[in-house]
Amino acid sequence: MLCGYALAGYDMLVDYLGAVTFELDKETATFDLPLPTRNFAWTRRVLLLVLAASVLIPLACLGVYGYYDFQRRYADAEELTERLARVANEHALKVMDLNQQLEARIVDMLGDSDDAAISSRQEALHRTPDE
């Protein structure tokens, strides 16, 4: 009985709107809709396109990220190398400066002494200044 009221209400709605083009079988309550036409060639092309996109898009993203990461790592390595080169240069300058200072002190200590004078003062020359 409830189903009959529902179908009667539906019939009134269809009459009221007048825009519904399908028919309702009142006994089985099924819609008589035509089957959609299938174009399998077009569907196959779309699926192949989706398959290609599902492979190519991740590969493109991986390639772009790989290039970005390579550039970033290359820049980091270049910066580290430049920093190490500056440190090595500073160290070499300190060593050369120390050598010049030692050479100047030795020349000041020896002065114009000849070999005999240096040999006679050898003990005093080899003593450290803080002794």
Protein backbone atom coordinates (compact mmCIF):
# COMPACT_ATOMS: atom_id res chain seq x y z
CA MET A 1 0.00 0.00 0.00
CA LEU A 2 2.85 2.36 0.87
CA CYS A 3 4.48 1.60 -2.47
CA GLY A 4 1.30 2.56 -4.26
CA TYR A 5 1.26 5.97 -2.55
CA ALA A 6 4.90 6.50 -3.47
CA LEU A 7 4.25 5.64 -7.12
CA ALA A 8 1.19 7.86 -7.23
CA GLY A 9 3.23 10.71 -5.79
CA TYR A 10 5.94 10.07 -8.36
CA ASP A 11 3.38 10.13 -11.19
CA MET A 12 2.13 13.48 -9.94
CA LEU A 13 5.68 14.80 -9.81
CA VAL A 14 6.34 13.63 -13.37
CA ASP A 15 3.12 15.24 -14.55
CA TYR A 16 4.00 18.43 -12.72
CA LEU A 17 7.54 18.75 -14.05
CA GLY A 18 6.98 17.27 -17.47
CA ALA A 19 10.75 17.09 -18.03
CA VAL A 20 11.44 13.44 -17.20
CA THR A 21 11.96 11.44 -20.40
CA PHE A 22 12.29 7.93 -19.02
CA GLU A 23 9.40 5.69 -18.14
CA LEU A 24 8.87 3.86 -14.88
CA ASP A 25 7.50 0.35 -14.88
CA LYS A 26 5.00 0.51 -11.98
CA GLU A 27 5.16 -3.17 -11.14
CA THR A 28 8.93 -3.74 -11.01
CA ALA A 29 10.09 -0.16 -10.38
CA THR A 30 12.89 -0.31 -12.96
CA PHE A 31 13.95 2.43 -15.29
CA ASP A 32 13.89 1.78 -19.03
CA LEU A 33 17.00 3.74 -20.00
CA PRO A 34 18.79 3.13 -23.25
CA LEU A 35 22.28 1.66 -22.92
CA PRO A 36 25.06 4.11 -23.60
CA THR A 37 26.92 3.61 -26.83
CA ARG A 38 30.41 2.26 -26.37
CA ASN A 39 33.28 3.45 -28.48
CA PHE A 40 35.97 0.97 -27.45
CA ALA A 41 38.63 2.48 -29.71
CA TRP A 42 38.21 5.87 -28.04
CA THR A 43 38.13 4.27 -24.57
CA ARG A 44 41.31 2.34 -25.38
CA ARG A 45 43.04 5.55 -26.52
CA VAL A 46 42.02 7.33 -23.34
CA LEU A 47 43.28 4.46 -21.19
CA LEU A 48 46.60 4.38 -23.07
CA LEU A 49 46.91 8.12 -22.60
CA VAL A 50 46.26 7.76 -18.87
CA LEU A 51 48.80 4.92 -18.69
CA ALA A 52 51.42 7.01 -20.47
CA ALA A 53 50.68 9.98 -18.20
CA SER A 54 50.93 7.80 -15.10
CA VAL A 55 54.43 6.77 -16.19
CA LEU A 56 55.72 10.03 -17.68
CA ILE A 57 54.55 12.49 -15.02
CA PRO A 58 56.39 10.75 -12.13
CA LEU A 59 59.47 10.36 -14.34
CA ALA A 60 59.37 14.06 -15.20
CA CYS A 61 59.00 14.98 -11.52
CA LEU A 62 61.90 12.69 -10.64
CA GLY A 63 64.04 14.24 -13.37
CA VAL A 64 63.26 17.79 -12.28
CA TYR A 65 63.95 16.99 -8.64
CA GLY A 66 67.14 15.14 -9.59
CA TYR A 67 68.39 18.16 -11.54
CA TYR A 68 67.48 20.50 -8.67
CA ASP A 69 69.18 18.26 -6.11
CA PHE A 70 72.27 17.91 -8.30
CA GLN A 71 72.56 21.70 -8.64
CA ARG A 72 72.10 22.18 -4.89
CA ARG A 73 74.71 19.55 -4.00
CA TYR A 74 77.13 20.91 -6.61
CA ALA A 75 76.79 24.42 -5.16
CA ASP A 76 77.32 23.08 -1.62
CA ALA A 77 80.43 21.16 -2.70
CA GLU A 78 81.79 24.19 -4.55
CA GLU A 79 81.26 26.39 -1.48
CA LEU A 80 82.96 23.84 0.79
CA THR A 81 85.91 23.57 -1.61
CA GLU A 82 86.31 27.35 -1.74
CA ARG A 83 86.18 27.55 2.05
CA LEU A 84 88.82 24.83 2.41
CA ALA A 85 91.01 26.57 -0.17
CA ARG A 86 90.80 29.83 1.82
CA VAL A 87 91.72 27.98 5.04
CA ALA A 88 94.67 26.28 3.34
CA ASN A 89 95.80 29.63 1.91
CA GLU A 90 95.64 31.25 5.36
CA HIS A 91 97.60 28.37 6.87
CA ALA A 92 100.25 28.63 4.16
CA LEU A 93 100.52 32.39 4.74
CA LYS A 94 101.01 31.82 8.48
CA VAL A 95 103.74 29.24 7.83
CA MET A 96 105.54 31.55 5.40
CA ASP A 97 105.26 34.45 7.86
CA LEU A 98 106.62 32.29 10.67
CA ASN A 99 109.54 31.20 8.45
CA GLN A 100 110.35 34.84 7.65
CA GLN A 101 110.29 35.78 11.33
CA LEU A 102 112.56 32.86 12.26
CA GLU A 103 114.95 33.73 9.45
CA ALA A 104 115.04 37.37 10.59
CA ARG A 105 115.77 36.32 14.20
CA ILE A 106 118.59 34.01 13.10
CA VAL A 107 120.13 36.73 10.93
CA ASP A 108 119.86 39.18 13.86
CA MET A 109 121.44 36.68 16.26
CA LEU A 110 124.32 35.78 13.98
CA GLY A 111 124.91 39.22 12.55
CA ASP A 112 128.20 39.45 10.59
CA SER A 113 129.88 36.55 12.45
CA ASP A 114 132.14 34.21 10.56
CA ASP A 115 132.21 30.41 10.91
CA ALA A 116 134.80 30.40 13.69
CA ALA A 117 132.81 32.88 15.81
CA ILE A 118 129.60 30.92 15.31
CA SER A 119 131.34 27.65 16.30
CA SER A 120 132.71 29.21 19.45
CA ARG A 121 129.24 30.51 20.49
CA GLN A 122 127.41 27.36 19.44
CA GLU A 123 126.33 26.42 22.97
CA ALA A 124 124.84 29.84 23.66
CA LEU A 125 123.14 30.02 20.26
CA HIS A 126 121.31 26.73 20.77
CA ARG A 127 119.93 27.68 24.17
CA THR A 128 116.29 28.82 24.22
CA PRO A 129 115.64 32.44 25.16
CA ASP A 130 113.58 31.50 28.23
CA GLU A 131 116.42 29.45 29.84
